[in-house]
C-alpha atoms as a PDB file:
ATOM      1  CA  MET A   1     111.463  91.009  95.770  1.00  0.00           C
ATOM      2  CA  GLU A   2     114.145  93.279  94.722  1.00  0.00           C
ATOM      3  CA  GLY A   3     111.676  95.815  93.395  1.00  0.00           C
ATOM      4  CA  SER A   4     110.534  96.733  96.723  1.00  0.00           C
ATOM      5  CA  LEU A   5     113.700  98.893  97.183  1.00  0.00           C
ATOM      6  CA  LEU A   6     112.007 101.225  94.556  1.00  0.00           C
ATOM      7  CA  LEU A   7     108.597 101.630  96.025  1.00  0.00           C
ATOM      8  CA  SER A   8     107.455 102.365  99.448  1.00  0.00           C
ATOM      9  CA  LEU A   9     104.540  99.809  99.995  1.00  0.00           C
ATOM     10  CA  SER A  10     102.063  99.724 102.708  1.00  0.00           C
ATOM     11  CA  ASP A  11     102.018  96.635 105.017  1.00  0.00           C
ATOM     12  CA  GLY A  12     100.136  93.815 103.454  1.00  0.00           C
ATOM     13  CA  LEU A  13     101.178  94.682  99.756  1.00  0.00           C
ATOM     14  CA  VAL A  14     103.656  92.786  97.698  1.00  0.00           C
ATOM     15  CA  ILE A  15     105.163  93.246  94.297  1.00  0.00           C
ATOM     16  CA  GLU A  16     104.126  90.441  92.163  1.00  0.00           C
ATOM     17  CA  GLN A  17     105.889  91.482  89.042  1.00  0.00           C
ATOM     18  CA  ILE A  18     107.563  94.186  87.317  1.00  0.00           C
ATOM     19  CA  CYS A  19     107.463  94.418  83.461  1.00  0.00           C
ATOM     20  CA  ARG A  20     109.598  96.946  81.519  1.00  0.00           C
ATOM     21  CA  GLN A  21     108.386  97.818  78.011  1.00  0.00           C
ATOM     22  CA  GLU A  22     109.640 100.618  75.660  1.00  0.00           C
ATOM     23  CA  LYS A  23     107.727 103.527  76.987  1.00  0.00           C
ATOM     24  CA  GLN A  24     106.428 102.311  80.378  1.00  0.00           C
ATOM     25  CA  ILE A  25     106.917 100.105  83.446  1.00  0.00           C
ATOM     26  CA  ILE A  26     103.947  97.950  84.747  1.00  0.00           C
ATOM     27  CA  ILE A  27     104.179  96.894  88.345  1.00  0.00           C
ATOM     28  CA  SER A  28     101.729  94.442  89.579  1.00  0.00           C
ATOM     29  CA  VAL A  29     100.962  94.642  93.379  1.00  0.00           C
ATOM     30  CA  SER A  30      98.574  92.394  95.327  1.00  0.00           C
ATOM     31  CA  SER A  31      97.355  92.453  98.827  1.00  0.00           C
ATOM     32  CA  THR A  32      98.285  89.579 101.223  1.00  0.00           C
ATOM     33  CA  ALA A  33      95.116  90.207 103.122  1.00  0.00           C
ATOM     34  CA  ALA A  34      92.295  87.546 103.064  1.00  0.00           C
ATOM     35  CA  LEU A  35      89.729  90.516 103.010  1.00  0.00           C
ATOM     36  CA  ALA A  36      89.481  94.256 102.927  1.00  0.00           C
ATOM     37  CA  ARG A  37      87.004  96.791 103.886  1.00  0.00           C
ATOM     38  CA  CYS A  38      85.425  99.494 101.682  1.00  0.00           C
ATOM     39  CA  PRO A  39      86.756 102.794 102.513  1.00  0.00           C
ATOM     40  CA  LEU A  40      83.200 104.208 102.152  1.00  0.00           C
ATOM     41  CA  CYS A  41      80.895 101.911 103.842  1.00  0.00           C
ATOM     42  CA  ALA A  42      83.290  99.728 105.900  1.00  0.00           C
ATOM     43  CA  ALA A  43      81.822  96.492 104.516  1.00  0.00           C
ATOM     44  CA  ALA A  44      84.061  93.537 104.540  1.00  0.00           C
ATOM     45  CA  SER A  45      84.831  91.794 101.160  1.00  0.00           C
ATOM     46  CA  GLU A  46      86.954  88.952  99.783  1.00  0.00           C
ATOM     47  CA  SER A  47      86.344  89.702  96.165  1.00  0.00           C
ATOM     48  CA  ILE A  48      88.195  91.860  93.703  1.00  0.00           C
ATOM     49  CA  HIS A  49      86.264  94.895  92.916  1.00  0.00           C
ATOM     50  CA  SER A  50      88.520  96.526  90.349  1.00  0.00           C
ATOM     51  CA  HIS A  51      91.769  96.600  88.642  1.00  0.00           C
ATOM     52  CA  TYR A  52      93.796  99.638  87.620  1.00  0.00           C
ATOM     53  CA  LEU A  53      96.175 100.110  84.688  1.00  0.00           C
END
């Protein structure tokens, strides 16, 4: 996607959408990995644990 020229993303992340509003830009990023490990306990998970806005 063209927006990847603006941001340096880690491997396994893709920009899904870029929305420009009057006072903000919202960039939706998702992981291409089937699962990820918790940075605290290293347990593998396939579910989404949180979203950030």
